Amino acid sequence: MTTRPLETTLPDDARLTSEGFAASGRGRTLLIACGALAREILALIRLNGWAHVDVTCLPAILHNHPDRIPDAVRDAVIEHRDAYDRLAVVYADCGTGGELERTCDDLGVEMVAGPHCYAFFDGLGRFAARDEITSFYLTDFLARQFDAFVWKPLGLDRHPDLLAMYFGNYEKLVYLAQTQDDSLTAKARDCAARLGLAFERRYTGYGDLATTLEHWAAA
């Protein structure tokens, strides 16, 4: 896999391709992942010493068009499947209405369980039990990329009067933190203030993402 230093060279919207992968995929696992999870996945690979695990990331901006995710995943699986002994998809449902699961079943590849990354970072059982329908969530990635993935796509930079329409039914912003980073906490707190929401920070670490990748890496 690519061995560039994670914190200094990996952009937030990283798209890692097969360039730099091992010439032979025999005995290797490829993770086809959402670009919003690139930092976390590479960190787990590095921390666990999974030298046999490679990762290729699809653009994180696909989350603004979830109907496009299944076809993008299908194309990536077809492109890489002959070169690897095992492929796995590091997406949850992510707004595809079950279509991504159907695509993965059709292709014979596993994916991450759950409705979205907020749930698997928090832990699926804990997230479901909270039933926080009036909470808006950020991860480390979204705290960094709030303007690019939330503020501007919703047009709030041009039409701040839309704020009440989009967020009037929310009560708080919950920052699910993967790392202990004061600067990201400050960014997330500022996002809550801009949205007019109460702020809560929860340190989740990598949550169920870690256990899922451990399972795939060991298989």
N, C-alpha and C. Protein backbone atom coordinates (compact mmCIF):
# COMPACT_ATOMS: atom_id res chain seq x y z
N MET A 1 0.82 -1.20 0.00
CA MET A 1 0.00 0.00 0.00
C MET A 1 0.86 1.25 0.00
N THR A 2 0.26 2.38 -0.23
CA THR A 2 0.98 3.64 -0.20
C THR A 2 1.54 3.88 1.19
N THR A 3 2.77 4.36 1.29
CA THR A 3 3.40 4.51 2.60
C THR A 3 3.72 5.96 2.93
N ARG A 4 3.02 6.91 2.31
CA ARG A 4 3.25 8.31 2.62
C ARG A 4 2.83 8.61 4.05
N PRO A 5 3.51 9.57 4.74
CA PRO A 5 3.10 9.92 6.10
C PRO A 5 1.65 10.39 6.13
N LEU A 6 0.86 9.83 7.01
CA LEU A 6 -0.59 10.07 7.02
C LEU A 6 -0.95 11.52 7.26
N GLU A 7 -0.42 12.13 8.33
CA GLU A 7 -0.90 13.44 8.74
C GLU A 7 -0.41 14.56 7.83
N THR A 8 0.74 14.35 7.13
CA THR A 8 1.32 15.46 6.39
C THR A 8 0.99 15.45 4.91
N THR A 9 0.64 14.27 4.36
CA THR A 9 0.47 14.22 2.91
C THR A 9 -0.90 13.75 2.46
N LEU A 10 -1.72 13.29 3.34
CA LEU A 10 -3.02 12.75 2.94
C LEU A 10 -4.08 13.83 2.98
N PRO A 11 -4.61 14.28 1.82
CA PRO A 11 -5.66 15.29 1.83
C PRO A 11 -6.96 14.74 2.36
N ASP A 12 -7.85 15.63 2.82
CA ASP A 12 -9.09 15.19 3.42
C ASP A 12 -9.99 14.48 2.43
N ASP A 13 -9.87 14.82 1.14
CA ASP A 13 -10.71 14.17 0.14
C ASP A 13 -9.88 13.16 -0.66
N ALA A 14 -9.01 12.45 0.05
CA ALA A 14 -8.05 11.57 -0.60
C ALA A 14 -8.71 10.56 -1.51
N ARG A 15 -8.13 10.40 -2.68
CA ARG A 15 -8.52 9.30 -3.55
C ARG A 15 -7.27 8.49 -3.82
N LEU A 16 -7.12 7.38 -3.13
CA LEU A 16 -5.98 6.51 -3.29
C LEU A 16 -6.31 5.50 -4.36
N THR A 17 -5.40 5.31 -5.29
CA THR A 17 -5.65 4.39 -6.39
C THR A 17 -4.71 3.21 -6.28
N SER A 18 -4.77 2.33 -7.26
CA SER A 18 -3.95 1.13 -7.22
C SER A 18 -2.49 1.43 -7.49
N GLU A 19 -2.13 2.66 -7.86
CA GLU A 19 -0.73 3.01 -8.01
C GLU A 19 -0.02 2.84 -6.67
N GLY A 20 1.07 2.13 -6.65
CA GLY A 20 1.80 1.92 -5.42
C GLY A 20 1.41 0.65 -4.70
N PHE A 21 0.36 -0.02 -5.15
CA PHE A 21 0.00 -1.30 -4.55
C PHE A 21 1.04 -2.36 -4.95
N ALA A 22 1.06 -3.44 -4.20
CA ALA A 22 1.97 -4.54 -4.52
C ALA A 22 1.66 -5.07 -5.91
N ALA A 23 2.71 -5.52 -6.62
CA ALA A 23 2.52 -6.02 -7.98
C ALA A 23 1.60 -7.23 -8.00
N SER A 24 1.66 -8.03 -6.98
CA SER A 24 0.79 -9.20 -6.89
C SER A 24 -0.15 -9.05 -5.71
N GLY A 25 -1.45 -9.36 -5.92
CA GLY A 25 -2.42 -9.28 -4.85
C GLY A 25 -2.64 -10.61 -4.15
N ARG A 26 -1.79 -11.61 -4.47
CA ARG A 26 -1.99 -12.92 -3.87
C ARG A 26 -1.80 -12.84 -2.36
N GLY A 27 -2.80 -13.35 -1.64
CA GLY A 27 -2.75 -13.32 -0.19
C GLY A 27 -3.06 -11.95 0.40
N ARG A 28 -3.53 -11.05 -0.43
CA ARG A 28 -3.77 -9.69 0.02
C ARG A 28 -5.26 -9.37 0.05
N THR A 29 -5.59 -8.35 0.85
CA THR A 29 -6.97 -7.86 0.98
C THR A 29 -7.02 -6.42 0.51
N LEU A 30 -8.04 -6.10 -0.25
CA LEU A 30 -8.26 -4.72 -0.69
C LEU A 30 -9.53 -4.18 -0.05
N LEU A 31 -9.41 -3.03 0.58
CA LEU A 31 -10.56 -2.32 1.12
C LEU A 31 -10.97 -1.24 0.15
N ILE A 32 -12.20 -1.31 -0.33
CA ILE A 32 -12.77 -0.27 -1.20
C ILE A 32 -13.59 0.63 -0.30
N ALA A 33 -13.12 1.86 -0.11
CA ALA A 33 -13.61 2.66 1.01
C ALA A 33 -14.10 4.03 0.58
N CYS A 34 -14.92 4.60 1.44
CA CYS A 34 -15.33 6.00 1.31
C CYS A 34 -14.13 6.89 1.64
N GLY A 35 -13.92 7.91 0.81
CA GLY A 35 -12.81 8.82 1.05
C GLY A 35 -12.87 9.53 2.38
N ALA A 36 -14.08 9.66 2.95
CA ALA A 36 -14.22 10.31 4.25
C ALA A 36 -13.61 9.47 5.37
N LEU A 37 -13.30 8.21 5.10
CA LEU A 37 -12.73 7.31 6.10
C LEU A 37 -11.26 7.03 5.86
N ALA A 38 -10.65 7.71 4.90
CA ALA A 38 -9.27 7.40 4.51
C ALA A 38 -8.30 7.50 5.68
N ARG A 39 -8.35 8.60 6.43
CA ARG A 39 -7.41 8.78 7.54
C ARG A 39 -7.56 7.67 8.58
N GLU A 40 -8.80 7.37 8.93
CA GLU A 40 -9.05 6.37 9.97
C GLU A 40 -8.59 4.98 9.52
N ILE A 41 -8.88 4.63 8.27
CA ILE A 41 -8.49 3.32 7.77
C ILE A 41 -6.98 3.19 7.70
N LEU A 42 -6.31 4.19 7.17
CA LEU A 42 -4.85 4.14 7.08
C LEU A 42 -4.22 4.12 8.47
N ALA A 43 -4.82 4.83 9.41
CA ALA A 43 -4.30 4.80 10.77
C ALA A 43 -4.41 3.40 11.37
N LEU A 44 -5.54 2.73 11.15
CA LEU A 44 -5.72 1.38 11.67
C LEU A 44 -4.78 0.39 11.00
N ILE A 45 -4.57 0.54 9.70
CA ILE A 45 -3.63 -0.34 9.00
C ILE A 45 -2.23 -0.16 9.57
N ARG A 46 -1.85 1.08 9.79
CA ARG A 46 -0.51 1.35 10.30
C ARG A 46 -0.36 0.87 11.75
N LEU A 47 -1.35 1.15 12.58
CA LEU A 47 -1.27 0.78 13.99
C LEU A 47 -1.21 -0.73 14.18
N ASN A 48 -1.92 -1.47 13.32
CA ASN A 48 -1.99 -2.92 13.46
C ASN A 48 -0.95 -3.67 12.63
N GLY A 49 -0.21 -2.94 11.80
CA GLY A 49 0.81 -3.59 10.99
C GLY A 49 0.25 -4.52 9.94
N TRP A 50 -0.89 -4.15 9.36
CA TRP A 50 -1.52 -5.01 8.35
C TRP A 50 -0.85 -4.79 6.99
N ALA A 51 0.32 -5.35 6.81
CA ALA A 51 1.07 -5.14 5.59
C ALA A 51 0.41 -5.77 4.37
N HIS A 52 -0.52 -6.70 4.61
CA HIS A 52 -1.19 -7.40 3.51
C HIS A 52 -2.49 -6.70 3.09
N VAL A 53 -2.81 -5.57 3.71
CA VAL A 53 -4.07 -4.88 3.43
C VAL A 53 -3.80 -3.59 2.66
N ASP A 54 -4.45 -3.44 1.52
CA ASP A 54 -4.39 -2.23 0.72
C ASP A 54 -5.73 -1.53 0.77
N VAL A 55 -5.76 -0.25 0.37
CA VAL A 55 -7.01 0.50 0.38
C VAL A 55 -7.08 1.40 -0.84
N THR A 56 -8.25 1.44 -1.45
CA THR A 56 -8.52 2.41 -2.51
C THR A 56 -9.79 3.15 -2.11
N CYS A 57 -9.76 4.48 -2.21
CA CYS A 57 -10.88 5.29 -1.71
C CYS A 57 -11.63 5.97 -2.85
N LEU A 58 -12.94 5.87 -2.79
CA LEU A 58 -13.80 6.60 -3.70
C LEU A 58 -14.01 8.01 -3.16
N PRO A 59 -14.33 8.98 -4.02
CA PRO A 59 -14.46 10.37 -3.56
C PRO A 59 -15.50 10.52 -2.46
N ALA A 60 -15.13 11.21 -1.40
CA ALA A 60 -16.05 11.41 -0.28
C ALA A 60 -17.29 12.19 -0.69
N ILE A 61 -17.17 13.01 -1.72
CA ILE A 61 -18.29 13.84 -2.16
C ILE A 61 -19.46 13.00 -2.68
N LEU A 62 -19.24 11.71 -2.92
CA LEU A 62 -20.35 10.83 -3.31
C LEU A 62 -21.46 10.83 -2.26
N HIS A 63 -21.12 11.19 -1.02
CA HIS A 63 -22.15 11.23 0.02
C HIS A 63 -23.21 12.28 -0.27
N ASN A 64 -22.88 13.26 -1.08
CA ASN A 64 -23.89 14.25 -1.47
C ASN A 64 -24.78 13.71 -2.59
N HIS A 65 -24.43 12.55 -3.14
CA HIS A 65 -25.22 11.89 -4.20
C HIS A 65 -25.23 10.40 -3.91
N PRO A 66 -25.86 9.96 -2.82
CA PRO A 66 -25.77 8.55 -2.42
C PRO A 66 -26.28 7.56 -3.45
N ASP A 67 -27.12 8.01 -4.37
CA ASP A 67 -27.59 7.11 -5.42
C ASP A 67 -26.47 6.66 -6.34
N ARG A 68 -25.34 7.40 -6.32
CA ARG A 68 -24.22 7.05 -7.18
C ARG A 68 -23.24 6.08 -6.51
N ILE A 69 -23.38 5.88 -5.21
CA ILE A 69 -22.41 5.05 -4.48
C ILE A 69 -22.43 3.59 -4.96
N PRO A 70 -23.59 2.94 -5.09
CA PRO A 70 -23.56 1.52 -5.50
C PRO A 70 -22.83 1.27 -6.82
N ASP A 71 -23.08 2.10 -7.83
CA ASP A 71 -22.42 1.90 -9.12
C ASP A 71 -20.92 2.15 -9.01
N ALA A 72 -20.53 3.15 -8.22
CA ALA A 72 -19.10 3.43 -8.04
C ALA A 72 -18.40 2.27 -7.35
N VAL A 73 -19.07 1.69 -6.35
CA VAL A 73 -18.51 0.53 -5.66
C VAL A 73 -18.44 -0.66 -6.61
N ARG A 74 -19.49 -0.88 -7.38
CA ARG A 74 -19.50 -1.99 -8.33
C ARG A 74 -18.32 -1.87 -9.31
N ASP A 75 -18.11 -0.67 -9.85
CA ASP A 75 -17.02 -0.46 -10.80
C ASP A 75 -15.67 -0.76 -10.16
N ALA A 76 -15.50 -0.34 -8.89
CA ALA A 76 -14.23 -0.56 -8.20
C ALA A 76 -14.00 -2.04 -7.93
N VAL A 77 -15.05 -2.76 -7.55
CA VAL A 77 -14.92 -4.19 -7.31
C VAL A 77 -14.53 -4.90 -8.59
N ILE A 78 -15.20 -4.59 -9.67
CA ILE A 78 -14.91 -5.24 -10.95
C ILE A 78 -13.48 -4.93 -11.39
N GLU A 79 -13.05 -3.69 -11.16
CA GLU A 79 -11.70 -3.30 -11.58
C GLU A 79 -10.62 -4.07 -10.83
N HIS A 80 -10.82 -4.33 -9.54
CA HIS A 80 -9.74 -4.85 -8.71
C HIS A 80 -9.88 -6.32 -8.30
N ARG A 81 -11.03 -6.93 -8.53
CA ARG A 81 -11.26 -8.22 -7.89
C ARG A 81 -10.31 -9.31 -8.36
N ASP A 82 -9.83 -9.27 -9.59
CA ASP A 82 -8.96 -10.33 -10.08
C ASP A 82 -7.55 -10.24 -9.49
N ALA A 83 -7.21 -9.13 -8.89
CA ALA A 83 -5.85 -8.93 -8.37
C ALA A 83 -5.73 -9.25 -6.88
N TYR A 84 -6.87 -9.52 -6.20
CA TYR A 84 -6.85 -9.71 -4.75
C TYR A 84 -7.59 -10.98 -4.36
N ASP A 85 -7.14 -11.58 -3.28
CA ASP A 85 -7.83 -12.75 -2.75
C ASP A 85 -9.11 -12.37 -2.03
N ARG A 86 -9.15 -11.16 -1.46
CA ARG A 86 -10.33 -10.73 -0.72
C ARG A 86 -10.56 -9.24 -0.96
N LEU A 87 -11.81 -8.87 -1.19
CA LEU A 87 -12.22 -7.47 -1.27
C LEU A 87 -13.32 -7.24 -0.26
N ALA A 88 -13.32 -6.06 0.35
CA ALA A 88 -14.37 -5.67 1.28
C ALA A 88 -14.68 -4.20 1.07
N VAL A 89 -15.91 -3.82 1.35
CA VAL A 89 -16.39 -2.47 1.07
C VAL A 89 -16.57 -1.72 2.39
N VAL A 90 -15.83 -0.64 2.55
CA VAL A 90 -15.87 0.13 3.79
C VAL A 90 -16.84 1.31 3.62
N TYR A 91 -18.09 0.95 3.47
CA TYR A 91 -19.25 1.84 3.51
C TYR A 91 -20.30 1.15 4.36
N ALA A 92 -21.11 1.92 5.06
CA ALA A 92 -22.37 1.41 5.57
C ALA A 92 -23.43 1.71 4.50
N ASP A 93 -24.70 1.72 4.85
CA ASP A 93 -25.72 1.98 3.83
C ASP A 93 -25.59 3.39 3.26
N CYS A 94 -25.32 4.36 4.11
CA CYS A 94 -24.96 5.72 3.68
C CYS A 94 -26.00 6.36 2.76
N GLY A 95 -27.27 6.13 3.06
CA GLY A 95 -28.33 6.81 2.31
C GLY A 95 -28.71 6.16 1.00
N THR A 96 -28.24 4.94 0.76
CA THR A 96 -28.55 4.29 -0.51
C THR A 96 -29.85 3.50 -0.47
N GLY A 97 -30.53 3.49 0.67
CA GLY A 97 -31.81 2.80 0.78
C GLY A 97 -31.72 1.31 0.57
N GLY A 98 -30.60 0.70 0.99
CA GLY A 98 -30.43 -0.74 0.84
C GLY A 98 -29.81 -1.15 -0.49
N GLU A 99 -29.66 -0.21 -1.42
CA GLU A 99 -29.15 -0.57 -2.74
C GLU A 99 -27.68 -0.99 -2.69
N LEU A 100 -26.90 -0.37 -1.80
CA LEU A 100 -25.50 -0.77 -1.70
C LEU A 100 -25.38 -2.20 -1.17
N GLU A 101 -26.19 -2.56 -0.20
CA GLU A 101 -26.17 -3.93 0.31
C GLU A 101 -26.54 -4.92 -0.78
N ARG A 102 -27.55 -4.58 -1.59
CA ARG A 102 -27.94 -5.47 -2.69
C ARG A 102 -26.81 -5.60 -3.70
N THR A 103 -26.12 -4.50 -3.97
CA THR A 103 -24.99 -4.54 -4.90
C THR A 103 -23.88 -5.41 -4.35
N CYS A 104 -23.55 -5.24 -3.07
CA CYS A 104 -22.49 -6.04 -2.47
C CYS A 104 -22.86 -7.52 -2.43
N ASP A 105 -24.11 -7.83 -2.13
CA ASP A 105 -24.56 -9.22 -2.15
C ASP A 105 -24.41 -9.81 -3.55
N ASP A 106 -24.77 -9.03 -4.55
CA ASP A 106 -24.67 -9.49 -5.93
C ASP A 106 -23.22 -9.75 -6.32
N LEU A 107 -22.31 -8.93 -5.80
CA LEU A 107 -20.88 -9.05 -6.12
C LEU A 107 -20.17 -10.06 -5.22
N GLY A 108 -20.83 -10.47 -4.13
CA GLY A 108 -20.21 -11.41 -3.21
C GLY A 108 -19.14 -10.80 -2.34
N VAL A 109 -19.30 -9.53 -1.97
CA VAL A 109 -18.34 -8.87 -1.09
C VAL A 109 -19.06 -8.37 0.16
N GLU A 110 -18.32 -8.28 1.26
CA GLU A 110 -18.88 -7.80 2.51
C GLU A 110 -18.80 -6.28 2.58
N MET A 111 -19.67 -5.69 3.41
CA MET A 111 -19.64 -4.26 3.67
C MET A 111 -19.82 -4.04 5.16
N VAL A 112 -19.63 -2.80 5.61
CA VAL A 112 -19.77 -2.49 7.03
C VAL A 112 -21.25 -2.47 7.39
N ALA A 113 -21.59 -3.05 8.52
CA ALA A 113 -22.97 -3.07 8.98
C ALA A 113 -23.39 -1.70 9.50
N GLY A 114 -24.68 -1.39 9.35
CA GLY A 114 -25.22 -0.17 9.92
C GLY A 114 -25.70 0.82 8.89
N PRO A 115 -26.41 1.86 9.35
CA PRO A 115 -26.98 2.84 8.44
C PRO A 115 -25.99 3.86 7.91
N HIS A 116 -24.95 4.19 8.70
CA HIS A 116 -24.00 5.23 8.31
C HIS A 116 -22.81 5.22 9.26
N CYS A 117 -21.81 6.06 8.96
CA CYS A 117 -20.59 6.04 9.76
C CYS A 117 -20.81 6.55 11.18
N TYR A 118 -21.79 7.44 11.39
CA TYR A 118 -22.07 7.89 12.75
C TYR A 118 -22.42 6.70 13.64
N ALA A 119 -23.20 5.79 13.10
CA ALA A 119 -23.63 4.63 13.88
C ALA A 119 -22.47 3.69 14.16
N PHE A 120 -21.62 3.41 13.17
CA PHE A 120 -20.56 2.44 13.46
C PHE A 120 -19.42 3.06 14.24
N PHE A 121 -19.22 4.37 14.17
CA PHE A 121 -18.24 4.98 15.06
C PHE A 121 -18.74 4.96 16.51
N ASP A 122 -19.99 5.29 16.71
CA ASP A 122 -20.56 5.32 18.05
C ASP A 122 -20.77 3.92 18.61
N GLY A 123 -20.90 2.94 17.71
CA GLY A 123 -21.28 1.58 18.09
C GLY A 123 -22.74 1.39 17.76
N LEU A 124 -23.06 0.39 16.94
CA LEU A 124 -24.42 0.27 16.42
C LEU A 124 -25.47 0.18 17.51
N GLY A 125 -25.19 -0.61 18.55
CA GLY A 125 -26.16 -0.75 19.63
C GLY A 125 -26.36 0.54 20.39
N ARG A 126 -25.27 1.21 20.73
CA ARG A 126 -25.37 2.48 21.46
C ARG A 126 -26.09 3.53 20.63
N PHE A 127 -25.75 3.60 19.35
CA PHE A 127 -26.36 4.62 18.50
C PHE A 127 -27.87 4.41 18.40
N ALA A 128 -28.28 3.18 18.19
CA ALA A 128 -29.71 2.89 18.08
C ALA A 128 -30.44 3.18 19.38
N ALA A 129 -29.80 2.87 20.51
CA ALA A 129 -30.45 3.08 21.80
C ALA A 129 -30.64 4.56 22.12
N ARG A 130 -29.77 5.40 21.59
CA ARG A 130 -29.87 6.84 21.89
C ARG A 130 -31.11 7.45 21.23
N ASP A 131 -31.43 7.00 20.01
CA ASP A 131 -32.61 7.49 19.30
C ASP A 131 -32.66 9.02 19.28
N GLU A 132 -31.56 9.62 18.82
CA GLU A 132 -31.42 11.08 18.86
C GLU A 132 -31.88 11.71 17.54
N ILE A 133 -33.15 11.78 17.35
CA ILE A 133 -33.66 12.26 16.06
C ILE A 133 -33.49 13.77 15.89
N THR A 134 -33.19 14.49 16.97
CA THR A 134 -33.01 15.94 16.86
C THR A 134 -31.53 16.33 16.95
N SER A 135 -30.64 15.37 16.71
CA SER A 135 -29.20 15.65 16.74
C SER A 135 -28.62 15.61 15.33
N PHE A 136 -27.69 16.54 15.08
CA PHE A 136 -26.93 16.59 13.84
C PHE A 136 -25.51 16.16 14.17
N TYR A 137 -24.92 15.27 13.36
CA TYR A 137 -23.65 14.65 13.71
C TYR A 137 -22.50 15.13 12.84
N LEU A 138 -21.35 15.24 13.47
CA LEU A 138 -20.09 15.44 12.77
C LEU A 138 -19.11 14.36 13.20
N THR A 139 -18.24 13.97 12.28
CA THR A 139 -17.07 13.14 12.58
C THR A 139 -15.84 14.03 12.44
N ASP A 140 -14.66 13.46 12.67
CA ASP A 140 -13.43 14.24 12.45
C ASP A 140 -13.40 14.79 11.03
N PHE A 141 -13.72 13.93 10.07
CA PHE A 141 -13.70 14.37 8.66
C PHE A 141 -14.64 15.54 8.44
N LEU A 142 -15.86 15.45 8.93
CA LEU A 142 -16.84 16.51 8.68
C LEU A 142 -16.52 17.78 9.47
N ALA A 143 -15.85 17.65 10.61
CA ALA A 143 -15.40 18.84 11.32
C ALA A 143 -14.38 19.59 10.48
N ARG A 144 -13.49 18.84 9.83
CA ARG A 144 -12.50 19.48 8.95
C ARG A 144 -13.15 20.06 7.70
N GLN A 145 -14.13 19.35 7.16
CA GLN A 145 -14.67 19.67 5.84
C GLN A 145 -16.10 20.21 5.91
N PHE A 146 -16.45 20.86 7.00
CA PHE A 146 -17.82 21.32 7.19
C PHE A 146 -18.28 22.25 6.08
N ASP A 147 -17.45 23.21 5.71
CA ASP A 147 -17.84 24.14 4.66
C ASP A 147 -18.06 23.43 3.33
N ALA A 148 -17.14 22.53 2.97
CA ALA A 148 -17.19 21.87 1.67
C ALA A 148 -18.30 20.85 1.56
N PHE A 149 -18.68 20.21 2.69
CA PHE A 149 -19.64 19.12 2.62
C PHE A 149 -21.01 19.46 3.21
N VAL A 150 -21.10 20.55 3.96
CA VAL A 150 -22.38 20.92 4.57
C VAL A 150 -22.76 22.35 4.18
N TRP A 151 -21.97 23.31 4.58
CA TRP A 151 -22.35 24.72 4.47
C TRP A 151 -22.58 25.15 3.02
N LYS A 152 -21.61 24.88 2.16
CA LYS A 152 -21.73 25.32 0.76
C LYS A 152 -22.71 24.48 -0.04
N PRO A 153 -22.68 23.13 0.06
CA PRO A 153 -23.66 22.35 -0.71
C PRO A 153 -25.11 22.69 -0.39
N LEU A 154 -25.39 23.08 0.86
CA LEU A 154 -26.75 23.48 1.23
C LEU A 154 -27.06 24.93 0.85
N GLY A 155 -26.06 25.62 0.33
CA GLY A 155 -26.27 27.00 -0.10
C GLY A 155 -26.30 28.00 1.03
N LEU A 156 -25.83 27.62 2.22
CA LEU A 156 -25.91 28.52 3.37
C LEU A 156 -24.91 29.66 3.28
N ASP A 157 -23.87 29.49 2.47
CA ASP A 157 -22.92 30.58 2.26
C ASP A 157 -23.55 31.70 1.44
N ARG A 158 -24.53 31.36 0.62
CA ARG A 158 -25.21 32.34 -0.24
C ARG A 158 -26.57 32.74 0.30
N HIS A 159 -27.22 31.81 1.01
CA HIS A 159 -28.58 32.06 1.48
C HIS A 159 -28.70 31.66 2.95
N PRO A 160 -28.13 32.43 3.85
CA PRO A 160 -28.19 32.07 5.28
C PRO A 160 -29.61 31.99 5.82
N ASP A 161 -30.56 32.57 5.11
CA ASP A 161 -31.95 32.50 5.55
C ASP A 161 -32.51 31.08 5.48
N LEU A 162 -31.79 30.19 4.77
CA LEU A 162 -32.22 28.80 4.68
C LEU A 162 -31.88 27.99 5.93
N LEU A 163 -31.11 28.58 6.83
CA LEU A 163 -30.65 27.86 8.01
C LEU A 163 -31.81 27.28 8.82
N ALA A 164 -32.84 28.09 9.04
CA ALA A 164 -33.97 27.62 9.84
C ALA A 164 -34.71 26.49 9.14
N MET A 165 -34.78 26.54 7.82
CA MET A 165 -35.47 25.48 7.09
C MET A 165 -34.73 24.15 7.21
N TYR A 166 -33.40 24.19 7.11
CA TYR A 166 -32.62 22.97 7.17
C TYR A 166 -32.44 22.44 8.60
N PHE A 167 -32.25 23.34 9.55
CA PHE A 167 -31.83 22.91 10.89
C PHE A 167 -32.78 23.32 12.00
N GLY A 168 -33.94 23.84 11.63
CA GLY A 168 -34.88 24.31 12.64
C GLY A 168 -35.40 23.24 13.58
N ASN A 169 -35.37 21.98 13.13
CA ASN A 169 -35.88 20.88 13.97
C ASN A 169 -34.79 20.18 14.76
N TYR A 170 -33.55 20.61 14.57
CA TYR A 170 -32.44 20.04 15.34
C TYR A 170 -32.26 20.81 16.64
N GLU A 171 -31.77 20.13 17.66
CA GLU A 171 -31.53 20.75 18.95
C GLU A 171 -30.05 20.84 19.30
N LYS A 172 -29.26 19.86 18.86
CA LYS A 172 -27.84 19.91 19.20
C LYS A 172 -27.00 19.29 18.09
N LEU A 173 -25.75 19.68 18.07
CA LEU A 173 -24.75 19.08 17.21
C LEU A 173 -23.90 18.15 18.07
N VAL A 174 -23.80 16.90 17.66
CA VAL A 174 -22.99 15.92 18.38
C VAL A 174 -21.74 15.63 17.56
N TYR A 175 -20.59 15.94 18.13
CA TYR A 175 -19.32 15.66 17.48
C TYR A 175 -18.80 14.32 17.97
N LEU A 176 -18.81 13.33 17.08
CA LEU A 176 -18.28 12.00 17.37
C LEU A 176 -16.81 12.02 16.99
N ALA A 177 -15.95 12.15 17.99
CA ALA A 177 -14.53 12.37 17.76
C ALA A 177 -13.77 11.06 17.66
N GLN A 178 -13.03 10.90 16.57
CA GLN A 178 -12.19 9.73 16.42
C GLN A 178 -10.83 9.91 17.09
N THR A 179 -10.42 11.16 17.28
CA THR A 179 -9.12 11.46 17.85
C THR A 179 -9.26 12.50 18.96
N GLN A 180 -8.23 12.58 19.80
CA GLN A 180 -8.19 13.60 20.83
C GLN A 180 -7.46 14.81 20.26
N ASP A 181 -8.19 15.68 19.61
CA ASP A 181 -7.61 16.81 18.88
C ASP A 181 -8.37 18.07 19.27
N ASP A 182 -7.73 18.93 20.05
CA ASP A 182 -8.39 20.15 20.53
C ASP A 182 -8.79 21.08 19.39
N SER A 183 -7.97 21.11 18.33
CA SER A 183 -8.29 22.00 17.22
C SER A 183 -9.55 21.54 16.49
N LEU A 184 -9.73 20.23 16.35
CA LEU A 184 -10.95 19.72 15.72
C LEU A 184 -12.16 19.94 16.61
N THR A 185 -11.98 19.80 17.90
CA THR A 185 -13.08 20.09 18.82
C THR A 185 -13.51 21.54 18.69
N ALA A 186 -12.54 22.44 18.58
CA ALA A 186 -12.87 23.86 18.41
C ALA A 186 -13.61 24.09 17.10
N LYS A 187 -13.19 23.41 16.03
CA LYS A 187 -13.90 23.53 14.75
C LYS A 187 -15.33 23.04 14.87
N ALA A 188 -15.51 21.89 15.52
CA ALA A 188 -16.85 21.34 15.67
C ALA A 188 -17.73 22.24 16.52
N ARG A 189 -17.15 22.81 17.57
CA ARG A 189 -17.91 23.73 18.42
C ARG A 189 -18.34 24.96 17.61
N ASP A 190 -17.46 25.43 16.76
CA ASP A 190 -17.80 26.58 15.91
C ASP A 190 -18.91 26.21 14.93
N CYS A 191 -18.89 24.99 14.40
CA CYS A 191 -19.96 24.55 13.50
C CYS A 191 -21.30 24.58 14.22
N ALA A 192 -21.32 24.13 15.46
CA ALA A 192 -22.56 24.15 16.24
C ALA A 192 -23.06 25.58 16.41
N ALA A 193 -22.14 26.50 16.71
CA ALA A 193 -22.53 27.90 16.89
C ALA A 193 -23.09 28.48 15.60
N ARG A 194 -22.48 28.15 14.47
CA ARG A 194 -22.97 28.65 13.19
C ARG A 194 -24.36 28.14 12.87
N LEU A 195 -24.64 26.91 13.32
CA LEU A 195 -25.96 26.32 13.07
C LEU A 195 -26.98 26.69 14.14
N GLY A 196 -26.52 27.36 15.20
CA GLY A 196 -27.42 27.74 16.29
C GLY A 196 -27.85 26.56 17.13
N LEU A 197 -26.96 25.56 17.28
CA LEU A 197 -27.29 24.34 18.01
C LEU A 197 -26.43 24.20 19.26
N ALA A 198 -26.95 23.50 20.26
CA ALA A 198 -26.14 23.13 21.41
C ALA A 198 -25.04 22.19 20.94
N PHE A 199 -23.98 22.08 21.74
CA PHE A 199 -22.82 21.29 21.33
C PHE A 199 -22.53 20.18 22.33
N GLU A 200 -22.26 18.99 21.80
CA GLU A 200 -21.82 17.87 22.62
C GLU A 200 -20.71 17.13 21.90
N ARG A 201 -19.66 16.81 22.64
CA ARG A 201 -18.56 16.03 22.08
C ARG A 201 -18.53 14.66 22.73
N ARG A 202 -18.42 13.61 21.89
CA ARG A 202 -18.25 12.25 22.37
C ARG A 202 -17.01 11.65 21.73
N TYR A 203 -16.12 11.18 22.55
CA TYR A 203 -14.95 10.50 22.00
C TYR A 203 -15.34 9.04 21.73
N THR A 204 -15.31 8.65 20.47
CA THR A 204 -15.68 7.29 20.08
C THR A 204 -14.47 6.45 19.69
N GLY A 205 -13.35 7.10 19.37
CA GLY A 205 -12.28 6.35 18.73
C GLY A 205 -12.78 5.83 17.39
N TYR A 206 -12.33 4.64 17.00
CA TYR A 206 -12.72 4.09 15.70
C TYR A 206 -13.95 3.20 15.78
N GLY A 207 -14.46 2.95 16.99
CA GLY A 207 -15.71 2.23 17.16
C GLY A 207 -15.75 0.89 16.45
N ASP A 208 -16.90 0.59 15.86
CA ASP A 208 -17.08 -0.69 15.16
C ASP A 208 -16.26 -0.78 13.88
N LEU A 209 -15.77 0.35 13.38
CA LEU A 209 -14.90 0.29 12.20
C LEU A 209 -13.65 -0.53 12.52
N ALA A 210 -13.10 -0.34 13.71
CA ALA A 210 -11.88 -1.06 14.10
C ALA A 210 -12.13 -2.57 14.15
N THR A 211 -13.22 -2.98 14.78
CA THR A 211 -13.48 -4.42 14.91
C THR A 211 -13.81 -5.06 13.57
N THR A 212 -14.49 -4.30 12.71
CA THR A 212 -14.81 -4.82 11.37
C THR A 212 -13.53 -5.04 10.56
N LEU A 213 -12.65 -4.04 10.56
CA LEU A 213 -11.41 -4.18 9.80
C LEU A 213 -10.51 -5.26 10.39
N GLU A 214 -10.52 -5.41 11.71
CA GLU A 214 -9.74 -6.49 12.33
C GLU A 214 -10.22 -7.85 11.84
N HIS A 215 -11.53 -7.99 11.72
CA HIS A 215 -12.11 -9.26 11.22
C HIS A 215 -11.66 -9.52 9.80
N TRP A 216 -11.76 -8.51 8.95
CA TRP A 216 -11.36 -8.69 7.55
C TRP A 216 -9.88 -8.93 7.40
N ALA A 217 -9.08 -8.23 8.19
CA ALA A 217 -7.63 -8.38 8.08
C ALA A 217 -7.17 -9.75 8.53
N ALA A 218 -7.91 -10.36 9.45
CA ALA A 218 -7.52 -11.66 10.00
C ALA A 218 -8.01 -12.82 9.16
N ALA A 219 -9.01 -12.57 8.34
CA ALA A 219 -9.64 -13.66 7.58
C ALA A 219 -8.71 -14.19 6.49
